[in-house]
Protein backbone atom coordinates (compact mmCIF):
# COMPACT_ATOMS: atom_id res chain seq x y z
CA MET A 1 158.17 100.16 276.91
CA SER A 2 160.09 103.30 277.80
CA TRP A 3 158.14 106.56 277.92
CA PHE A 4 159.39 110.01 278.87
CA LYS A 5 158.07 113.56 278.89
CA ARG A 6 158.85 116.09 276.20
CA SER A 7 156.96 118.92 274.53
CA LYS A 8 159.01 119.16 271.33
CA LYS A 9 162.20 117.91 269.78
CA GLY A 10 165.19 119.23 271.68
CA ILE A 11 166.09 119.37 275.35
CA LEU A 12 163.94 121.37 277.77
CA THR A 13 165.60 123.50 280.43
CA SER A 14 162.50 124.91 282.10
CA THR A 15 161.10 122.93 285.02
CA GLU A 16 157.72 124.61 284.56
CA GLU A 17 157.54 123.50 280.92
CA LYS A 18 158.22 119.91 281.94
CA LYS A 19 155.35 119.94 284.42
CA ASN A 20 152.86 120.92 281.72
CA ILE A 21 153.81 118.25 279.18
CA PRO A 22 151.13 115.53 278.71
CA GLU A 23 152.02 111.93 279.52
CA GLY A 24 153.10 109.58 276.74
CA LEU A 25 154.03 112.23 274.17
CA TRP A 26 157.14 110.37 273.06
CA TYR A 27 158.20 106.75 272.84
CA LYS A 28 161.75 105.42 273.00
CA THR A 29 162.44 102.04 271.39
CA PRO A 30 164.95 99.54 272.80
CA SER A 31 167.44 100.63 270.10
CA GLY A 32 167.24 104.20 271.39
CA LYS A 33 165.10 105.62 268.58
CA VAL A 34 162.60 108.28 269.65
CA VAL A 35 159.24 108.84 267.98
CA GLU A 36 156.14 110.88 268.72
CA THR A 37 153.31 108.69 269.97
CA LYS A 38 150.85 110.23 267.50
CA GLU A 39 153.13 109.25 264.62
CA LEU A 40 153.57 105.83 266.20
CA ALA A 41 149.82 105.21 266.27
CA GLU A 42 149.49 106.35 262.67
CA ASN A 43 152.23 103.86 261.75
CA PHE A 44 150.42 100.86 263.28
CA TYR A 45 152.48 101.16 266.50
CA VAL A 46 155.69 100.40 264.62
CA SER A 47 158.69 102.70 265.02
CA PRO A 48 159.25 104.21 261.56
CA GLU A 49 162.99 104.63 262.10
CA ASP A 50 163.95 101.08 263.08
CA ASP A 51 160.76 99.10 262.26
CA TYR A 52 160.44 97.98 265.89
CA HIS A 53 156.98 96.54 266.65
CA ILE A 54 156.16 97.87 270.10
CA HIS A 55 154.09 95.81 272.51
CA ILE A 56 150.41 96.63 272.21
CA GLY A 57 147.20 95.10 273.56
CA SER A 58 143.69 94.25 272.44
CA LYS A 59 142.64 97.89 272.22
CA GLU A 60 145.26 98.64 269.57
CA TYR A 61 144.85 95.36 267.67
CA PHE A 62 141.10 95.90 267.45
CA GLU A 63 141.79 99.38 266.04
CA ILE A 64 144.01 97.84 263.37
CA ILE A 65 141.78 94.93 262.36
CA PHE A 66 138.17 96.10 262.64
CA ASP A 67 136.77 98.57 260.12
CA ASP A 68 136.50 102.01 261.77
CA ASN A 69 137.27 100.30 265.11
CA ASP A 70 133.63 99.20 265.16
CA PHE A 71 133.02 95.91 266.99
CA GLU A 72 130.87 94.18 269.58
CA GLU A 73 132.71 92.65 272.51
CA LEU A 74 131.72 89.09 273.39
CA ASP A 75 131.33 87.70 276.93
CA GLU A 76 132.57 90.96 278.38
CA GLY A 77 131.35 90.13 281.88
CA LEU A 78 133.47 87.02 282.49
CA LYS A 79 135.84 87.44 285.44
CA PRO A 80 138.39 85.12 287.09
CA LYS A 81 137.77 83.63 290.55
CA ASP A 82 140.18 82.58 293.26
CA PHE A 83 138.54 79.17 293.67
CA LEU A 84 141.74 77.58 295.06
CA LYS A 85 142.36 80.39 297.60
CA PHE A 86 145.87 80.52 296.17
CA VAL A 87 148.58 82.39 298.07
CA ASP A 88 152.25 82.88 297.27
CA ASN A 89 153.75 86.25 298.22
CA LYS A 90 150.30 87.73 297.57
CA ASN A 91 146.72 86.45 297.52
CA TYR A 92 145.53 85.60 294.00
CA LYS A 93 142.30 87.46 294.78
CA ASP A 94 144.32 90.61 295.44
CA ARG A 95 146.34 90.08 292.27
CA ILE A 96 143.14 89.94 290.24
CA ILE A 97 141.79 93.15 291.76
CA GLU A 98 145.13 94.92 291.29
CA ALA A 99 145.43 93.82 287.65
CA GLN A 100 141.85 94.87 286.87
CA LYS A 101 142.41 98.33 288.34
CA LYS A 102 145.76 98.78 286.61
CA THR A 103 144.67 97.63 283.15
CA ASN A 104 140.93 98.34 283.12
CA LEU A 105 140.53 94.78 281.86
CA LYS A 106 138.62 91.92 283.44
CA ASP A 107 141.11 89.24 282.37
CA ALA A 108 143.94 88.52 279.94
CA LEU A 109 141.82 88.07 276.80
CA ARG A 110 139.12 90.04 275.02
CA SER A 111 136.97 88.62 272.24
CA ALA A 112 134.95 90.63 269.76
CA VAL A 113 133.06 90.38 266.49
CA GLY A 114 133.03 93.00 263.77
CA LYS A 115 133.80 93.65 260.13
CA SER A 116 137.26 93.65 258.62
CA LYS A 117 137.37 94.85 255.03
CA GLY A 118 133.59 94.43 255.02
CA LYS A 119 133.60 90.80 256.21
CA GLU A 120 132.50 89.51 259.61
CA VAL A 121 135.33 88.07 261.71
CA VAL A 122 135.75 87.10 265.36
CA VAL A 123 138.98 88.19 267.05
CA CYS A 124 140.32 86.94 270.39
CA CYS A 125 143.24 89.03 271.60
CA MET A 126 145.41 88.48 274.67
CA ASP A 127 146.67 91.33 276.85
CA PHE A 128 150.11 90.79 278.37
CA ALA A 129 149.52 93.64 280.81
CA PHE A 130 147.04 91.46 282.73
CA ILE A 131 149.16 89.09 284.86
CA GLY A 132 151.59 88.48 282.03
CA GLY A 133 148.88 87.45 279.58
CA SER A 134 148.61 84.21 281.51
CA MET A 135 146.06 81.62 280.43
CA GLY A 136 143.49 80.85 283.11
CA SER A 137 139.94 79.57 283.13
CA VAL A 138 138.48 82.81 281.74
CA VAL A 139 140.88 82.86 278.78
CA GLY A 140 139.96 79.27 277.94
CA GLU A 141 136.24 79.88 278.36
CA LYS A 142 136.29 83.00 276.19
CA ILE A 143 138.08 81.16 273.39
CA ALA A 144 135.63 78.26 273.72
CA ARG A 145 132.62 80.58 273.53
CA ALA A 146 134.12 82.56 270.65
CA THR A 147 134.62 79.30 268.75
CA ASP A 148 131.00 78.28 269.37
CA PHE A 149 129.92 81.73 268.16
CA CYS A 150 131.93 81.25 264.96
CA VAL A 151 130.41 77.82 264.30
CA LYS A 152 126.89 79.12 264.91
CA ASN A 153 127.32 82.11 262.60
CA SER A 154 129.83 80.67 260.09
CA TYR A 155 132.46 83.29 260.91
CA PRO A 156 136.25 82.89 260.68
CA LEU A 157 138.36 83.18 263.83
CA LEU A 158 141.58 85.04 264.56
CA ILE A 159 143.42 84.53 267.86
CA ILE A 160 146.23 86.95 268.72
CA SER A 161 148.51 85.41 271.32
CA LYS A 162 150.71 87.36 273.72
CA SER A 163 151.28 85.28 276.80
CA GLY A 164 153.67 84.12 279.49
CA GLY A 165 151.90 80.73 279.58
CA ALA A 166 149.49 79.02 281.95
CA ARG A 167 148.39 80.90 285.08
CA MET A 168 149.99 79.03 287.98
CA MET A 169 147.54 80.53 290.50
CA GLU A 170 144.81 78.38 288.95
CA SER A 171 146.96 75.24 288.98
CA ALA A 172 145.60 72.25 287.01
CA THR A 173 142.49 74.21 286.00
CA SER A 174 144.71 76.48 283.94
CA LEU A 175 146.41 73.51 282.26
CA MET A 176 143.00 72.06 281.41
CA GLN A 177 142.40 75.06 279.16
CA MET A 178 144.96 73.64 276.74
CA ALA A 179 142.76 70.61 276.06
CA LYS A 180 139.56 72.63 276.22
CA THR A 181 140.61 75.19 273.61
CA SER A 182 142.16 72.52 271.37
CA ALA A 183 138.91 70.52 271.39
CA LYS A 184 136.84 73.59 270.54
CA LEU A 185 139.13 74.51 267.65
CA ALA A 186 138.63 70.99 266.30
CA HIS A 187 134.90 71.79 266.09
CA LEU A 188 135.77 74.88 264.07
CA ALA A 189 137.81 72.72 261.68
CA GLU A 190 134.92 70.28 261.32
CA ALA A 191 132.71 73.22 260.32
CA LYS A 192 135.33 74.10 257.66
CA LEU A 193 135.79 77.62 259.03
CA PRO A 194 139.20 79.33 258.92
CA TYR A 195 141.25 79.76 262.08
CA ILE A 196 144.24 82.10 261.92
CA SER A 197 146.75 82.13 264.77
CA LEU A 198 148.90 85.23 265.15
CA CYS A 199 151.85 84.88 267.53
CA THR A 200 153.22 88.13 268.91
CA ASP A 201 156.03 88.93 271.34
CA PRO A 202 156.03 86.95 273.59
CA THR A 203 154.02 83.77 272.98
CA THR A 204 155.19 81.12 275.43
CA GLY A 205 154.26 78.20 277.68
CA GLY A 206 150.86 76.52 277.57
CA THR A 207 149.56 79.03 275.07
CA THR A 208 152.20 77.94 272.55
CA ALA A 209 151.53 74.30 273.42
CA SER A 210 147.84 74.63 272.55
CA PHE A 211 145.80 77.10 270.51
CA ALA A 212 148.69 79.32 269.36
CA MET A 213 150.10 76.54 267.18
CA LEU A 214 146.84 75.01 265.99
CA GLY A 215 145.89 77.52 263.34
CA ASP A 216 145.00 76.52 259.82
CA ILE A 217 147.70 79.07 259.20
CA ASN A 218 150.21 80.13 261.86
CA ILE A 219 151.68 83.59 261.42
CA ALA A 220 153.79 85.91 263.56
CA GLU A 221 155.04 89.45 263.84
CA PRO A 222 158.72 90.16 263.13
CA ASN A 223 161.25 89.25 265.84
CA ALA A 224 158.59 87.78 268.15
CA LEU A 225 159.68 85.42 270.93
CA ILE A 226 157.75 82.16 270.46
CA ALA A 227 158.61 79.26 272.75
CA PHE A 228 157.37 76.71 275.23
CA ALA A 229 160.19 77.02 277.77
CA GLY A 230 162.91 79.64 278.15
CA PRO A 231 166.33 79.18 276.48
CA ARG A 232 168.09 78.31 279.74
CA VAL A 233 165.59 75.55 280.51
CA VAL A 234 165.89 74.18 276.98
CA LYS A 235 169.69 74.20 277.17
CA ASP A 236 169.70 72.48 280.57
CA THR A 237 167.25 69.86 279.30
CA THR A 238 169.03 69.09 276.02
CA GLY A 239 172.57 69.64 277.25
CA LYS A 240 173.41 71.37 273.97
CA ASP A 241 174.36 74.84 272.84
CA LEU A 242 171.50 76.39 270.94
CA PRO A 243 171.66 78.46 267.73
CA PRO A 244 171.28 82.24 268.07
CA GLY A 245 167.69 83.45 267.95
CA PHE A 246 166.30 79.91 267.90
CA GLN A 247 163.08 81.06 269.56
CA LYS A 248 162.45 84.07 267.33
CA SER A 249 159.78 84.09 264.64
CA GLU A 250 162.32 84.29 261.78
CA PHE A 251 164.07 81.10 262.93
CA LEU A 252 160.76 79.29 263.46
CA LYS A 253 159.55 80.24 259.98
CA GLU A 254 162.80 78.88 258.52
CA LYS A 255 162.20 75.57 260.32
CA GLY A 256 158.57 75.30 259.25
CA PHE A 257 156.75 76.15 262.49
CA LEU A 258 155.27 79.31 260.96
CA ASP A 259 153.72 79.91 257.55
CA PHE A 260 154.82 83.51 257.23
CA ILE A 261 155.81 86.64 259.13
CA VAL A 262 153.58 89.66 258.68
CA HIS A 263 154.44 93.30 259.23
CA ARG A 264 151.80 94.96 261.36
CA SER A 265 151.00 97.48 258.63
CA GLN A 266 149.96 94.55 256.39
CA LEU A 267 148.20 92.52 259.08
CA LYS A 268 144.63 93.41 258.12
CA ASN A 269 145.26 92.81 254.40
CA LYS A 270 147.03 89.48 254.90
CA ILE A 271 144.37 88.12 257.24
CA ASN A 272 141.60 89.01 254.82
CA ASP A 273 143.53 87.61 251.83
CA TYR A 274 143.81 84.28 253.62
CA ILE A 275 140.13 84.22 254.61
CA ASP A 276 139.13 84.98 251.02
CA LEU A 277 141.45 82.26 249.75
CA VAL A 278 140.13 79.57 252.10
CA LEU A 279 136.48 80.49 251.57
CA ASN A 280 137.04 80.69 247.79
CA ARG A 281 136.15 84.36 247.54
CA PRO A 282 137.67 86.76 244.98
CA LEU A 283 140.69 88.57 246.41
CA ARG A 284 140.13 92.27 246.92
CA PRO A 285 142.61 94.84 245.58
């Protein structure tokens, strides 16, 4: 994400003017297109000039999905612990504190319940800004509790994945979340409640190998990177040249890994259409 300061279109020559410009007034996409951040937010955080879906977090996704951004956060107090006393070039405990201060989040996933187009839905959304959206014990526990909440109240579930994979600082405990979340989602299926998995850029590693690909319907945003391992690792393992864009959502849809790709401006409508379809409700206009 590339931000720079500007007060209006055109180049500023006054140093004093530059000092008084608020942060984040403009956004520059990877293709070089520039858009005002207010316009960007009004356009579902998609650049109107090149249709680039910028990276956003749970705050923005909740704004898009919940009616009037009205929701109740679930299990807000859960925090990760450094139970292994893990150290690489930095203590894991210090990494947690640093990430919490930087992002104002407690961990890499937030779960909430609210109404979307007038219907109750539970949404779990990952935040890549928190240690690369890595899946640790808190992520797994929040998904497990959100699933139990859905079963208890007969609510559908949406999980929005944006992750670098399992959190290595929690070692095998992190990997156990793959089995834990998969088992809980099986309970949701037994209760005949819809589970929608939305893969965004990037969705990789243990997240892809578990709950991100277990939806009753698996959908993705345009041009999202969805993979288990990186392209170099895959090439070294298979010993073969790989087709261009083989880990992008368009390629995966073509090969049957995804049901459809949804533009962010249509995300709320598409999710609700699917829920209505599965629960045999009349589709709304």
